[in-house]
Amino acid sequence: MESFMTASMLYNLVQCPHRLYLDLHEDPVKRDPESTFLQLLWERGTLFEQKVMMDRSLEFADLGGKTAEEREERTQEAMEQGVGLIYGGRLRSGNLLGEPDLLKRQGAGYVAGDIKSGSGEEAVSGESEGRPKRHYAVQLAFYTDILEQLGVSAGRLPFIWDVHGEEVIYDLGSPLGGRNTISLWHFYEECLAQATRILKREEETTPALVSACKLCHWRSLCTAHLVKLDDLSLIPMLGKSKREAMLPYVKTVQALASLKVEELINGEKSIIQGISAESLKRFHLRARLQKRQDAKPILTQIPRLHRADRELFFDIETDPMRDVCYLHGFVERKNMDSSTERYVAFFADSPADEDERWAFKEAWEYVNDFNPCFIYFYSKYERTWWYRLQERYPEVASREQVEKMFDPSHAVDLYTDIVRPCTEWPTRDYSIKTLARYLEFRWRDTNPSGAESIEWYHRWVESGDFSIKERISQYNEDDCLATRVLLDGIRAMVDALPEKGSHNEVSN
């Protein structure tokens, strides 16, 4: 039986090559159950496609609901007849099998398009415009490749119809973005070549512990394998590419922990390509922390921590598929006395613009009323979203006002400003949930995660069930409390120092 290459295979490859390998060659019984969030993605994607096609009131050939063979035959017939828009088509050339949501006639040929229930581009912090999403780009390039092989392509300018009703053109000749200057098309060709090797078992991939693992149905299998191997990617922020660079010199966490790291450092540089001497020392320290049974978190430098009469611990909840920020949550504390804590939240009952604006406006006014205070949050996510909301609703606050709110003199990103530069932990990652749990904080929900909260919000919007709204609010409150617990934990580490100006360290 012939094996076909599909767009979904390339999508998964971009997320993780090892996932594609396991999908193709491992026993599916070993998979974890799919999360409710991923199930929601599929359901919402299908419903969103149907809604888009109805709302646009366009004439199109609807090939949905037919067998695969019928769709392929009807797609060919529709293109030969010059139909302006084809929905639910199926294309095949050689072993490439594509099912683009849309085929749109342009001139004498066709361009492919997909309908996505999320934003058509990837947001970039500090930039007003986004970048192409790589996993979208490889799918669109795949359909374009088939059209070219069939001799019916109208060019390399496929498109996305996104959640905002925008048509986002993907110029496949444009660069990936950031520091990577190769074109989207060249990136697709590299992905297709690798996927082909994996499909034919000509390339065996290896797992690595990365952020994408959290939603993968192979996460338990891969994690157990990595632990058995004592894999270097179990070290926080080391990742796959740095692991590959380190393997010729050191192969396990234990080996790195036992190593005299100075042997791999020449002057101020590491002898390992792509890894600085400072990074290598950090990875070495993290390996030692993981391998010491009595290890505790340490300070690598003394952080600047303020003692304030009024503190706010801030966390937001968003639905990236709807591109809406629907909850702004705060735990306020006075005089560093946790008995004074009070949770305050502003909840958008629907994803409509007017509700999102209301929640942002109320949150903005609340923070200003509570000032002067110190504001604490974990990572740049809250700040990035508030800048985005300011652009959407400039009548609520000016750019300068939001910048003033997040001024580092009184607004502290615990992750970026404190955890990463000043601390090390005997854990596999530095997420707020991992570190707060290490400090014995427990979320009240049995399955707390940002992804699951998106599914909860969807059910709230669909049902209006007040218990679901309460569950989201409780989860958000716990996220705020976890931020406070982490801050207090780091303060306790500072207070435990024998002298100011020194730092505790793991002994050799």
Foldseek 3Di string as FASTA:
>chain_A
DDAADELVLLLVVVLPVQLSLCVQDNDPVLFADFDVLVVVQVVVQVVVLVVLVVVVPDDEAEPPPDDLVVQAVVVVVCLVVVTAKYAQHWFDDDRYIYGARMWGDDDSATAGEHEALFDQFDDDFPDPDGFGDLSRLLNRLSVQVRRVVVVGHPAQWHWYCANVRDTGTQRQCAFRDDPGGHGSNVVNVVSVVSSVCSNVVVDNDADADDPSLVRGRCNVVNVVVCVVQQALSLQAPCTDVNSVQCCVPAGHLVRLLPDPLVVQDDVQAGVGPPAGSVRSVQSNQLSVQQPDPPHFKWWPAQADDDQAQKEKQWDWADQRSNRATFKIKIWMDGRLDVVRTDIDMQGQLARDPVSRLVRLLVVVVVVVVRPPAAYEYADCVVLSVNCVVCVVPVVSDHPVVSCVVCPVVRYDHCHPRPPVPIMHGNGSYDDLVVQLVVLVQDQPDPDADSSVLSVLSVCCNVPVPVVSVVVSSSSRVSNSVSRVSNSVVSVVNCVPDPDHPDIDGDDD
